[in-house]
C-alpha atoms as a PDB file:
ATOM      1  CA  UNK A   1      41.262  -3.329   9.306  1.00  0.00           C
ATOM      2  CA  UNK A   2      44.955  -3.720   8.420  1.00  0.00           C
ATOM      3  CA  UNK A   3      47.611  -3.211  11.078  1.00  0.00           C
ATOM      4  CA  UNK A   4      49.754  -0.142  10.377  1.00  0.00           C
ATOM      5  CA  UNK A   5      52.954  -2.197  10.311  1.00  0.00           C
ATOM      6  CA  UNK A   6      51.507  -4.508   7.652  1.00  0.00           C
ATOM      7  CA  UNK A   7      50.602  -1.752   5.179  1.00  0.00           C
ATOM      8  CA  UNK A   8      52.335  -1.051   1.911  1.00  0.00           C
ATOM      9  CA  UNK A   9      54.253   2.257   1.695  1.00  0.00           C
ATOM     10  CA  UNK A  10      51.328   3.751  -0.230  1.00  0.00           C
ATOM     11  CA  UNK A  11      48.888   2.426   2.352  1.00  0.00           C
ATOM     12  CA  UNK A  12      50.933   3.916   5.207  1.00  0.00           C
ATOM     13  CA  UNK A  13      50.972   7.281   3.482  1.00  0.00           C
ATOM     14  CA  UNK A  14      47.210   7.210   3.006  1.00  0.00           C
ATOM     15  CA  UNK A  15      46.609   6.217   6.612  1.00  0.00           C
ATOM     16  CA  UNK A  16      48.961   8.950   7.855  1.00  0.00           C
ATOM     17  CA  UNK A  17      47.232  11.509   5.623  1.00  0.00           C
ATOM     18  CA  UNK A  18      43.888  10.616   7.183  1.00  0.00           C
ATOM     19  CA  UNK A  19      45.303  10.867  10.708  1.00  0.00           C
ATOM     20  CA  UNK A  20      47.001  14.199   9.963  1.00  0.00           C
ATOM     21  CA  UNK A  21      43.793  15.654   8.551  1.00  0.00           C
ATOM     22  CA  UNK A  22      41.694  14.361  11.432  1.00  0.00           C
ATOM     23  CA  UNK A  23      44.157  15.581  14.054  1.00  0.00           C
ATOM     24  CA  UNK A  24      44.200  19.075  12.560  1.00  0.00           C
ATOM     25  CA  UNK A  25      40.402  19.247  12.443  1.00  0.00           C
ATOM     26  CA  UNK A  26      40.024  17.987  16.014  1.00  0.00           C
ATOM     27  CA  UNK A  27      42.682  20.408  17.244  1.00  0.00           C
ATOM     28  CA  UNK A  28      40.937  23.386  15.651  1.00  0.00           C
ATOM     29  CA  UNK A  29      37.292  22.553  16.427  1.00  0.00           C
ATOM     30  CA  UNK A  30      37.146  19.663  18.906  1.00  0.00           C
ATOM     31  CA  UNK A  31      36.238  16.024  18.449  1.00  0.00           C
ATOM     32  CA  UNK A  32      32.487  16.435  18.898  1.00  0.00           C
ATOM     33  CA  UNK A  33      32.297  19.028  16.109  1.00  0.00           C
ATOM     34  CA  UNK A  34      34.415  16.973  13.711  1.00  0.00           C
ATOM     35  CA  UNK A  35      32.557  14.627  11.380  1.00  0.00           C
ATOM     36  CA  UNK A  36      33.976  11.766   9.371  1.00  0.00           C
ATOM     37  CA  UNK A  37      32.721  13.501   6.219  1.00  0.00           C
ATOM     38  CA  UNK A  38      34.971  16.446   7.091  1.00  0.00           C
ATOM     39  CA  UNK A  39      37.882  14.090   7.650  1.00  0.00           C
ATOM     40  CA  UNK A  40      37.308  12.425   4.277  1.00  0.00           C
ATOM     41  CA  UNK A  41      37.179  15.788   2.507  1.00  0.00           C
ATOM     42  CA  UNK A  42      40.274  17.131   4.256  1.00  0.00           C
ATOM     43  CA  UNK A  43      42.272  13.955   3.580  1.00  0.00           C
ATOM     44  CA  UNK A  44      41.012  13.575   0.023  1.00  0.00           C
ATOM     45  CA  UNK A  45      39.771  10.001   0.544  1.00  0.00           C
ATOM     46  CA  UNK A  46      36.489   8.201   0.061  1.00  0.00           C
ATOM     47  CA  UNK A  47      34.406   6.322   2.604  1.00  0.00           C
ATOM     48  CA  UNK A  48      35.772   2.964   1.519  1.00  0.00           C
ATOM     49  CA  UNK A  49      39.352   4.140   2.084  1.00  0.00           C
ATOM     50  CA  UNK A  50      38.548   5.665   5.476  1.00  0.00           C
ATOM     51  CA  UNK A  51      36.854   2.509   6.739  1.00  0.00           C
ATOM     52  CA  UNK A  52      39.587   0.347   5.259  1.00  0.00           C
ATOM     53  CA  UNK A  53      42.010   1.893   7.778  1.00  0.00           C
ATOM     54  CA  UNK A  54      39.670   2.751  10.672  1.00  0.00           C
ATOM     55  CA  UNK A  55      36.681   0.792  11.902  1.00  0.00           C
ATOM     56  CA  UNK A  56      35.028   3.757  13.586  1.00  0.00           C
ATOM     57  CA  UNK A  57      35.481   7.307  14.833  1.00  0.00           C
ATOM     58  CA  UNK A  58      36.709   5.854  18.138  1.00  0.00           C
ATOM     59  CA  UNK A  59      39.369   3.897  16.267  1.00  0.00           C
ATOM     60  CA  UNK A  60      40.451   7.069  14.482  1.00  0.00           C
ATOM     61  CA  UNK A  61      40.536   8.907  17.826  1.00  0.00           C
ATOM     62  CA  UNK A  62      42.919   6.304  19.204  1.00  0.00           C
ATOM     63  CA  UNK A  63      45.213   6.900  16.235  1.00  0.00           C
ATOM     64  CA  UNK A  64      45.029  10.672  16.784  1.00  0.00           C
ATOM     65  CA  UNK A  65      46.106  10.316  20.426  1.00  0.00           C
ATOM     66  CA  UNK A  66      48.992   8.078  19.367  1.00  0.00           C
ATOM     67  CA  UNK A  67      49.913  10.607  16.668  1.00  0.00           C
ATOM     68  CA  UNK A  68      50.040  13.482  19.176  1.00  0.00           C
ATOM     69  CA  UNK A  69      52.049  11.377  21.618  1.00  0.00           C
ATOM     70  CA  UNK A  70      54.643  10.599  18.977  1.00  0.00           C
ATOM     71  CA  UNK A  71      54.837  14.071  17.426  1.00  0.00           C
ATOM     72  CA  UNK A  72      54.827  16.023  20.706  1.00  0.00           C
ATOM     73  CA  UNK A  73      55.964  13.884  23.634  1.00  0.00           C
ATOM     74  CA  UNK A  74      58.322  11.491  21.856  1.00  0.00           C
ATOM     75  CA  UNK A  75      60.110  14.344  20.095  1.00  0.00           C
ATOM     76  CA  UNK A  76      60.766  16.111  23.396  1.00  0.00           C
ATOM     77  CA  UNK A  77      61.725  13.004  25.386  1.00  0.00           C
ATOM     78  CA  UNK A  78      65.419  12.727  24.416  1.00  0.00           C
ATOM     79  CA  UNK A  79      66.220  16.342  25.300  1.00  0.00           C
ATOM     80  CA  UNK A  80      64.174  16.329  28.508  1.00  0.00           C
ATOM     81  CA  UNK A  81      65.786  13.120  29.731  1.00  0.00           C
ATOM     82  CA  UNK A  82      69.241  14.519  28.978  1.00  0.00           C
ATOM     83  CA  UNK A  83      68.914  18.036  30.404  1.00  0.00           C
ATOM     84  CA  UNK A  84      72.250  19.316  31.635  1.00  0.00           C
ATOM     85  CA  UNK A  85      71.167  22.336  33.655  1.00  0.00           C
ATOM     86  CA  UNK A  86      68.298  24.522  34.764  1.00  0.00           C
ATOM     87  CA  UNK A  87      69.183  26.723  31.797  1.00  0.00           C
ATOM     88  CA  UNK A  88      68.233  23.802  29.556  1.00  0.00           C
ATOM     89  CA  UNK A  89      64.803  23.781  31.225  1.00  0.00           C
ATOM     90  CA  UNK A  90      64.510  27.473  30.433  1.00  0.00           C
ATOM     91  CA  UNK A  91      65.339  26.716  26.806  1.00  0.00           C
ATOM     92  CA  UNK A  92      62.534  24.103  26.811  1.00  0.00           C
ATOM     93  CA  UNK A  93      60.198  26.742  28.255  1.00  0.00           C
ATOM     94  CA  UNK A  94      61.103  29.135  25.440  1.00  0.00           C
ATOM     95  CA  UNK A  95      60.520  26.315  22.941  1.00  0.00           C
ATOM     96  CA  UNK A  96      56.977  25.483  24.110  1.00  0.00           C
ATOM     97  CA  UNK A  97      56.043  29.152  24.464  1.00  0.00           C
ATOM     98  CA  UNK A  98      57.283  29.682  20.926  1.00  0.00           C
ATOM     99  CA  UNK A  99      55.072  26.874  19.665  1.00  0.00           C
ATOM    100  CA  UNK A 100      52.013  28.362  21.373  1.00  0.00           C
ATOM    101  CA  UNK A 101      52.853  31.755  19.895  1.00  0.00           C
ATOM    102  CA  UNK A 102      53.198  30.220  16.413  1.00  0.00           C
ATOM    103  CA  UNK A 103      49.561  29.069  16.645  1.00  0.00           C
ATOM    104  CA  UNK A 104      48.476  32.544  17.824  1.00  0.00           C
ATOM    105  CA  UNK A 105      47.588  30.876  21.134  1.00  0.00           C
ATOM    106  CA  UNK A 106      44.763  28.844  19.571  1.00  0.00           C
ATOM    107  CA  UNK A 107      44.059  25.247  20.532  1.00  0.00           C
ATOM    108  CA  UNK A 108      46.222  24.856  23.623  1.00  0.00           C
ATOM    109  CA  UNK A 109      47.861  21.467  24.049  1.00  0.00           C
ATOM    110  CA  UNK A 110      46.419  18.948  21.550  1.00  0.00           C
ATOM    111  CA  UNK A 111      46.711  16.177  24.152  1.00  0.00           C
ATOM    112  CA  UNK A 112      45.408  18.170  27.104  1.00  0.00           C
ATOM    113  CA  UNK A 113      42.549  19.674  25.090  1.00  0.00           C
ATOM    114  CA  UNK A 114      41.385  16.210  24.064  1.00  0.00           C
ATOM    115  CA  UNK A 115      41.592  15.134  27.691  1.00  0.00           C
ATOM    116  CA  UNK A 116      39.405  18.048  28.786  1.00  0.00           C
ATOM    117  CA  UNK A 117      36.806  17.169  26.166  1.00  0.00           C
ATOM    118  CA  UNK A 118      36.731  13.408  26.663  1.00  0.00           C
ATOM    119  CA  UNK A 119      37.766  12.513  30.221  1.00  0.00           C
ATOM    120  CA  UNK A 120      34.251  12.326  31.657  1.00  0.00           C
ATOM    121  CA  UNK A 121      32.594  10.194  28.987  1.00  0.00           C
ATOM    122  CA  UNK A 122      35.243   8.167  27.131  1.00  0.00           C
ATOM    123  CA  UNK A 123      37.243   5.974  29.485  1.00  0.00           C
ATOM    124  CA  UNK A 124      39.390   4.414  26.788  1.00  0.00           C
ATOM    125  CA  UNK A 125      40.421   7.831  25.492  1.00  0.00           C
ATOM    126  CA  UNK A 126      40.983   9.146  29.021  1.00  0.00           C
ATOM    127  CA  UNK A 127      43.288   6.237  29.790  1.00  0.00           C
ATOM    128  CA  UNK A 128      45.294   6.734  26.595  1.00  0.00           C
ATOM    129  CA  UNK A 129      45.627  10.489  27.193  1.00  0.00           C
ATOM    130  CA  UNK A 130      46.615   9.896  30.816  1.00  0.00           C
ATOM    131  CA  UNK A 131      49.366   7.552  29.639  1.00  0.00           C
ATOM    132  CA  UNK A 132      50.571  10.142  27.117  1.00  0.00           C
ATOM    133  CA  UNK A 133      50.810  12.897  29.728  1.00  0.00           C
ATOM    134  CA  UNK A 134      52.445  10.493  32.189  1.00  0.00           C
ATOM    135  CA  UNK A 135      55.093   9.751  29.566  1.00  0.00           C
ATOM    136  CA  UNK A 136      55.776  13.487  29.234  1.00  0.00           C
ATOM    137  CA  UNK A 137      56.010  13.831  33.001  1.00  0.00           C
ATOM    138  CA  UNK A 138      58.352  10.827  33.185  1.00  0.00           C
ATOM    139  CA  UNK A 139      60.762  12.447  30.732  1.00  0.00           C
ATOM    140  CA  UNK A 140      60.905  15.558  32.926  1.00  0.00           C
ATOM    141  CA  UNK A 141      61.327  13.396  36.028  1.00  0.00           C
ATOM    142  CA  UNK A 142      64.200  11.453  34.490  1.00  0.00           C
ATOM    143  CA  UNK A 143      65.937  14.661  33.475  1.00  0.00           C
ATOM    144  CA  UNK A 144      65.600  16.152  36.945  1.00  0.00           C
ATOM    145  CA  UNK A 145      66.748  12.913  38.573  1.00  0.00           C
ATOM    146  CA  UNK A 146      69.801  13.008  36.316  1.00  0.00           C
ATOM    147  CA  UNK A 147      70.605  16.522  37.517  1.00  0.00           C
ATOM    148  CA  UNK A 148      70.358  15.377  41.133  1.00  0.00           C
ATOM    149  CA  UNK A 149      72.473  12.284  40.520  1.00  0.00           C
ATOM    150  CA  UNK A 150      75.180  14.462  38.982  1.00  0.00           C
ATOM    151  CA  UNK A 151      75.216  16.634  42.084  1.00  0.00           C
ATOM    152  CA  UNK A 152      73.698  19.664  40.382  1.00  0.00           C
ATOM    153  CA  UNK A 153      70.583  19.638  42.581  1.00  0.00           C
ATOM    154  CA  UNK A 154      70.466  19.276  46.346  1.00  0.00           C
ATOM    155  CA  UNK A 155      69.740  15.803  47.755  1.00  0.00           C
ATOM    156  CA  UNK A 156      66.316  16.944  49.015  1.00  0.00           C
ATOM    157  CA  UNK A 157      65.163  17.869  45.495  1.00  0.00           C
ATOM    158  CA  UNK A 158      62.285  15.524  44.633  1.00  0.00           C
ATOM    159  CA  UNK A 159      62.194  14.786  40.871  1.00  0.00           C
ATOM    160  CA  UNK A 160      58.675  13.303  41.129  1.00  0.00           C
ATOM    161  CA  UNK A 161      57.225  16.421  42.731  1.00  0.00           C
ATOM    162  CA  UNK A 162      59.151  18.854  40.546  1.00  0.00           C
ATOM    163  CA  UNK A 163      58.175  17.030  37.328  1.00  0.00           C
ATOM    164  CA  UNK A 164      54.507  16.966  38.334  1.00  0.00           C
ATOM    165  CA  UNK A 165      54.707  20.678  39.138  1.00  0.00           C
ATOM    166  CA  UNK A 166      56.141  21.379  35.689  1.00  0.00           C
ATOM    167  CA  UNK A 167      53.613  19.296  33.726  1.00  0.00           C
ATOM    168  CA  UNK A 168      50.652  20.750  35.653  1.00  0.00           C
ATOM    169  CA  UNK A 169      52.029  24.251  35.071  1.00  0.00           C
ATOM    170  CA  UNK A 170      52.520  23.500  31.381  1.00  0.00           C
ATOM    171  CA  UNK A 171      48.957  22.269  30.895  1.00  0.00           C
ATOM    172  CA  UNK A 172      47.400  25.044  32.956  1.00  0.00           C
ATOM    173  CA  UNK A 173      49.417  27.701  31.146  1.00  0.00           C
ATOM    174  CA  UNK A 174      48.423  26.328  27.750  1.00  0.00           C
ATOM    175  CA  UNK A 175      44.753  26.248  28.765  1.00  0.00           C
ATOM    176  CA  UNK A 176      44.714  29.842  30.053  1.00  0.00           C
ATOM    177  CA  UNK A 177      46.775  30.904  27.050  1.00  0.00           C
ATOM    178  CA  UNK A 178      44.176  29.704  24.568  1.00  0.00           C
ATOM    179  CA  UNK A 179      41.371  31.258  26.615  1.00  0.00           C
ATOM    180  CA  UNK A 180      43.102  34.650  26.851  1.00  0.00           C
ATOM    181  CA  UNK A 181      44.795  34.351  23.416  1.00  0.00           C
ATOM    182  CA  UNK A 182      48.099  35.223  25.032  1.00  0.00           C
ATOM    183  CA  UNK A 183      51.354  33.399  25.695  1.00  0.00           C
ATOM    184  CA  UNK A 184      51.763  35.345  28.953  1.00  0.00           C
ATOM    185  CA  UNK A 185      50.103  32.756  31.263  1.00  0.00           C
ATOM    186  CA  UNK A 186      52.309  29.929  29.986  1.00  0.00           C
ATOM    187  CA  UNK A 187      55.467  32.027  29.905  1.00  0.00           C
ATOM    188  CA  UNK A 188      55.073  33.410  33.418  1.00  0.00           C
ATOM    189  CA  UNK A 189      53.821  30.174  34.986  1.00  0.00           C
ATOM    190  CA  UNK A 190      56.574  27.986  33.514  1.00  0.00           C
ATOM    191  CA  UNK A 191      59.243  30.533  34.334  1.00  0.00           C
ATOM    192  CA  UNK A 192      58.067  30.582  37.961  1.00  0.00           C
ATOM    193  CA  UNK A 193      58.019  26.774  38.116  1.00  0.00           C
ATOM    194  CA  UNK A 194      61.571  26.623  36.778  1.00  0.00           C
ATOM    195  CA  UNK A 195      62.592  29.329  39.251  1.00  0.00           C
ATOM    196  CA  UNK A 196      61.377  26.937  41.930  1.00  0.00           C
ATOM    197  CA  UNK A 197      63.532  24.142  40.510  1.00  0.00           C
ATOM    198  CA  UNK A 198      66.471  26.528  40.599  1.00  0.00           C
ATOM    199  CA  UNK A 199      66.107  26.923  44.366  1.00  0.00           C
ATOM    200  CA  UNK A 200      67.460  23.366  44.595  1.00  0.00           C
ATOM    201  CA  UNK A 201      70.565  24.073  42.526  1.00  0.00           C
ATOM    202  CA  UNK A 202      73.728  23.466  44.491  1.00  0.00           C
ATOM    203  CA  UNK A 203      75.894  26.539  44.622  1.00  0.00           C
ATOM    204  CA  UNK A 204      79.455  25.822  43.499  1.00  0.00           C
ATOM    205  CA  UNK A 205      81.959  25.914  46.351  1.00  0.00           C
ATOM    206  CA  UNK A 206      83.670  29.233  46.733  1.00  0.00           C
ATOM    207  CA  UNK A 207      87.275  29.148  45.604  1.00  0.00           C
ATOM    208  CA  UNK A 208      89.717  29.393  48.458  1.00  0.00           C
ATOM    209  CA  UNK A 209      91.576  32.657  48.481  1.00  0.00           C
ATOM    210  CA  UNK A 210      95.239  32.243  47.776  1.00  0.00           C
ATOM    211  CA  UNK A 211      97.539  33.352  50.566  1.00  0.00           C
ATOM    212  CA  UNK A 212     100.108  35.817  49.321  1.00  0.00           C
ATOM    213  CA  UNK A 213     103.475  35.151  50.891  1.00  0.00           C
ATOM    214  CA  UNK A 214     105.027  38.235  52.439  1.00  0.00           C
ATOM    215  CA  UNK A 215     108.693  38.856  51.624  1.00  0.00           C
ATOM    216  CA  UNK A 216     111.055  38.561  54.598  1.00  0.00           C
ATOM    217  CA  UNK A 217     111.934  41.825  56.284  1.00  0.00           C
ATOM    218  CA  UNK A 218     115.535  42.741  55.717  1.00  0.00           C
ATOM    219  CA  UNK A 219     117.620  43.477  58.778  1.00  0.00           C
ATOM    220  CA  UNK A 220     118.903  46.566  56.985  1.00  0.00           C
ATOM    221  CA  UNK A 221     115.357  47.778  56.442  1.00  0.00           C
ATOM    222  CA  UNK A 222     115.625  47.515  52.651  1.00  0.00           C
END
């Protein structure tokens, strides 16, 4: 099997087309229900092409997890690490809720959904998914730590705990959202989690009131 970095441009495009097709099928119907014949048909490739790029379904699964990590987590990392305020977290909340709404609340989180399906019987996949979610959490943690270092959060704000709270809330909200076919669980849960972060925001010091000098009293009373 050729390494992705050693492929020709045409080979890279074919490999990416297979991964895209497989990822979409797995997202919509789960890994167990997705066959390699379906992947071949969706990608428009033959068996020889599929097995030229992937040794097995497990190998393709590894590529799907990497694909989701790069298209979801990696794209959010720069903004999460550079958040300037709690309002920026609220903008991120609106962004992820908007994505869930755009899918009519089907599928949940592609990474989390795979984890739910595979964690108990595929250790290699579980480890890769755990690393992907940890990377997402780390981006949130770095952003929150940056806020604290800049004096925007109180010294007792714990970026580790707050980031874990946010990623757990995100995954739980996405799961309930796909079950109920509603963005309400994610929207309310994430908003509440960010409200909690906001309790650590340092209030700006109150401006000192200017003292108005009184004019001297004239001896003539004028």
